[in-house]
Amino acid sequence: MYGDADGNERVELLDVNLMERYMEGDAEARDSIHFTEADVNVDGVIDEIDVQLVKDYLVGNLDSLTPVLCTLSFE
């Protein structure tokens, strides 16, 4: 589940805290973070954009953290 950085199956403020500690280089955070879930925008890094997306979701500015998938077809 995108945004669930600590792996407890809920997106909450604790996930934001873990992501921020990870970005600061905290060793405990680096060992415990679920990288795939914390990389909300799926760009290969956990950064301020990911943190802001989770914050926006928590305050209700986003309905979902799941990326929008598009299908392309060629004729």
Foldseek 3Di string as FASTA:
>chain_A
DACCFQPPPDRDVVSLVLLVCVVVPPPVSVVRTPVVNQPLVPPRDRDPVSSVVSVCVVVPVDPDSHDDDDDDDDD
